[in-house]
């Protein structure tokens, strides 16, 4: 008797949305790909890049930031609570 072949599950957006928030994963063409957290070096480089871009924009006066209540409104229309 031939061994049974394992069948891969075709995951859906609903399956992905039902994952716990602590699980880092991507859903690509029905397959879940689990991801590790970014390394400290990755986070450090990202922070340096963010600061350089922010400082450039601030100095060039290309973008005006505003505060509404307790939130900083950014040009991408996202909010950063503080």
C-alpha atoms as a PDB file:
ATOM      1  CA  UNK A   1       0.000   0.000   0.000  1.00  0.00           C
ATOM      2  CA  UNK A   2       1.374   3.426  -0.985  1.00  0.00           C
ATOM      3  CA  UNK A   3       1.806   6.018   1.774  1.00  0.00           C
ATOM      4  CA  UNK A   4      -0.810   8.753   1.893  1.00  0.00           C
ATOM      5  CA  UNK A   5       0.287  12.157   0.665  1.00  0.00           C
ATOM      6  CA  UNK A   6      -0.172  15.089   2.984  1.00  0.00           C
ATOM      7  CA  UNK A   7      -2.698  17.563   1.656  1.00  0.00           C
ATOM      8  CA  UNK A   8      -1.962  21.258   1.973  1.00  0.00           C
ATOM      9  CA  UNK A   9      -4.809  23.384   3.226  1.00  0.00           C
ATOM     10  CA  UNK A  10      -5.800  26.321   1.059  1.00  0.00           C
ATOM     11  CA  UNK A  11      -6.202  29.141   3.605  1.00  0.00           C
ATOM     12  CA  UNK A  12      -8.642  32.002   3.133  1.00  0.00           C
ATOM     13  CA  UNK A  13      -8.771  35.600   4.261  1.00  0.00           C
ATOM     14  CA  UNK A  14     -11.144  34.494   7.008  1.00  0.00           C
ATOM     15  CA  UNK A  15      -8.550  31.989   8.289  1.00  0.00           C
ATOM     16  CA  UNK A  16      -5.954  34.742   8.259  1.00  0.00           C
ATOM     17  CA  UNK A  17      -8.229  37.181  10.109  1.00  0.00           C
ATOM     18  CA  UNK A  18      -8.924  34.537  12.774  1.00  0.00           C
ATOM     19  CA  UNK A  19      -5.241  34.178  13.677  1.00  0.00           C
ATOM     20  CA  UNK A  20      -4.321  35.568  17.108  1.00  0.00           C
ATOM     21  CA  UNK A  21      -2.891  39.094  16.967  1.00  0.00           C
ATOM     22  CA  UNK A  22       0.401  37.811  18.354  1.00  0.00           C
ATOM     23  CA  UNK A  23       0.959  35.634  15.260  1.00  0.00           C
ATOM     24  CA  UNK A  24       2.992  37.327  12.524  1.00  0.00           C
ATOM     25  CA  UNK A  25       2.026  35.801   9.195  1.00  0.00           C
ATOM     26  CA  UNK A  26       1.260  36.627   5.569  1.00  0.00           C
ATOM     27  CA  UNK A  27      -1.350  34.977   3.380  1.00  0.00           C
ATOM     28  CA  UNK A  28      -0.058  34.522  -0.170  1.00  0.00           C
ATOM     29  CA  UNK A  29      -2.025  32.534  -2.747  1.00  0.00           C
ATOM     30  CA  UNK A  30      -3.769  30.446  -0.104  1.00  0.00           C
ATOM     31  CA  UNK A  31      -0.632  29.639   1.912  1.00  0.00           C
ATOM     32  CA  UNK A  32       0.276  31.032   5.329  1.00  0.00           C
ATOM     33  CA  UNK A  33       3.870  32.130   5.757  1.00  0.00           C
ATOM     34  CA  UNK A  34       4.906  32.663   9.369  1.00  0.00           C
ATOM     35  CA  UNK A  35       7.380  35.455  10.024  1.00  0.00           C
ATOM     36  CA  UNK A  36       9.784  36.171  12.829  1.00  0.00           C
ATOM     37  CA  UNK A  37       9.914  39.543  14.541  1.00  0.00           C
ATOM     38  CA  UNK A  38      12.302  42.139  13.078  1.00  0.00           C
ATOM     39  CA  UNK A  39      15.795  42.045  14.527  1.00  0.00           C
ATOM     40  CA  UNK A  40      17.140  44.829  16.712  1.00  0.00           C
ATOM     41  CA  UNK A  41      19.496  45.853  13.909  1.00  0.00           C
ATOM     42  CA  UNK A  42      16.545  46.113  11.500  1.00  0.00           C
ATOM     43  CA  UNK A  43      14.644  48.288  13.974  1.00  0.00           C
ATOM     44  CA  UNK A  44      17.687  50.492  14.572  1.00  0.00           C
ATOM     45  CA  UNK A  45      18.249  51.059  10.835  1.00  0.00           C
ATOM     46  CA  UNK A  46      14.548  51.784  10.353  1.00  0.00           C
ATOM     47  CA  UNK A  47      14.638  54.354  13.160  1.00  0.00           C
ATOM     48  CA  UNK A  48      17.676  56.090  11.669  1.00  0.00           C
ATOM     49  CA  UNK A  49      16.031  56.239   8.231  1.00  0.00           C
ATOM     50  CA  UNK A  50      12.784  57.573   9.698  1.00  0.00           C
ATOM     51  CA  UNK A  51      14.644  60.324  11.574  1.00  0.00           C
ATOM     52  CA  UNK A  52      16.594  61.390   8.486  1.00  0.00           C
ATOM     53  CA  UNK A  53      13.427  61.596   6.360  1.00  0.00           C
ATOM     54  CA  UNK A  54      11.505  63.410   9.103  1.00  0.00           C
ATOM     55  CA  UNK A  55      14.305  65.933   9.624  1.00  0.00           C
ATOM     56  CA  UNK A  56      14.620  66.581   5.881  1.00  0.00           C
ATOM     57  CA  UNK A  57      10.890  67.199   5.533  1.00  0.00           C
ATOM     58  CA  UNK A  58      10.828  69.429   8.613  1.00  0.00           C
ATOM     59  CA  UNK A  59      13.774  71.551   7.447  1.00  0.00           C
ATOM     60  CA  UNK A  60      12.421  71.902   3.920  1.00  0.00           C
ATOM     61  CA  UNK A  61       8.994  72.939   5.230  1.00  0.00           C
ATOM     62  CA  UNK A  62       7.462  70.581   2.704  1.00  0.00           C
ATOM     63  CA  UNK A  63       4.847  69.343   5.112  1.00  0.00           C
ATOM     64  CA  UNK A  64       2.978  71.002   7.941  1.00  0.00           C
ATOM     65  CA  UNK A  65       2.040  68.865  10.896  1.00  0.00           C
ATOM     66  CA  UNK A  66      -0.911  69.630  13.107  1.00  0.00           C
ATOM     67  CA  UNK A  67      -2.237  68.523  16.438  1.00  0.00           C
ATOM     68  CA  UNK A  68      -5.854  67.646  17.072  1.00  0.00           C
ATOM     69  CA  UNK A  69      -6.637  66.802  20.673  1.00  0.00           C
ATOM     70  CA  UNK A  70      -4.015  64.324  21.821  1.00  0.00           C
ATOM     71  CA  UNK A  71      -3.014  63.164  18.354  1.00  0.00           C
ATOM     72  CA  UNK A  72      -0.381  64.226  15.845  1.00  0.00           C
ATOM     73  CA  UNK A  73      -1.836  64.321  12.332  1.00  0.00           C
ATOM     74  CA  UNK A  74       0.678  63.277   9.678  1.00  0.00           C
ATOM     75  CA  UNK A  75       0.539  63.891   5.915  1.00  0.00           C
ATOM     76  CA  UNK A  76      -0.524  60.320   5.219  1.00  0.00           C
ATOM     77  CA  UNK A  77      -3.631  61.001   7.300  1.00  0.00           C
ATOM     78  CA  UNK A  78      -2.590  58.483   9.917  1.00  0.00           C
ATOM     79  CA  UNK A  79      -2.549  59.477  13.548  1.00  0.00           C
ATOM     80  CA  UNK A  80       0.028  58.937  16.248  1.00  0.00           C
ATOM     81  CA  UNK A  81      -1.375  59.003  19.765  1.00  0.00           C
ATOM     82  CA  UNK A  82       0.866  60.267  22.514  1.00  0.00           C
END
